[in-house]
């Protein structure tokens, strides 16, 4: 069951990565920035696109390599927890007007962090 949950996380990161590479403005539109400069599109392609694909690939490696599994899962879980913590700070500084997208992604990042932490086998 936990492996299925990790695959769901992998699919999310791969989807985010592909979308970020193919259509950067579809990512930023969610957060109220529908039009980007060339530099902005390049940044989204790098951060959402390249990073998403790399994380998905590393998670696949982790599933197939027990020696690397704990370290990879724990590292990505910590990254997701950091993103969720950043949303808490952002929410305190500038309260979001609605649950979506900020609090929705806070819950999603927290849930994915928990899944990967559990998959790491770290006590």
Foldseek 3Di string as FASTA:
>chain_A
DLVVLLVVLLVVLQVQQVCLQPPVLVVCVQVPDNDDDPVSSVVSNVPRHVVSNVLSVVSVVLVVDVVCVLVSLQVLLVVLQVVLVVLVVVCVVPNDPDCPPSVVSSVVSNVSSVSSNVRSVDD
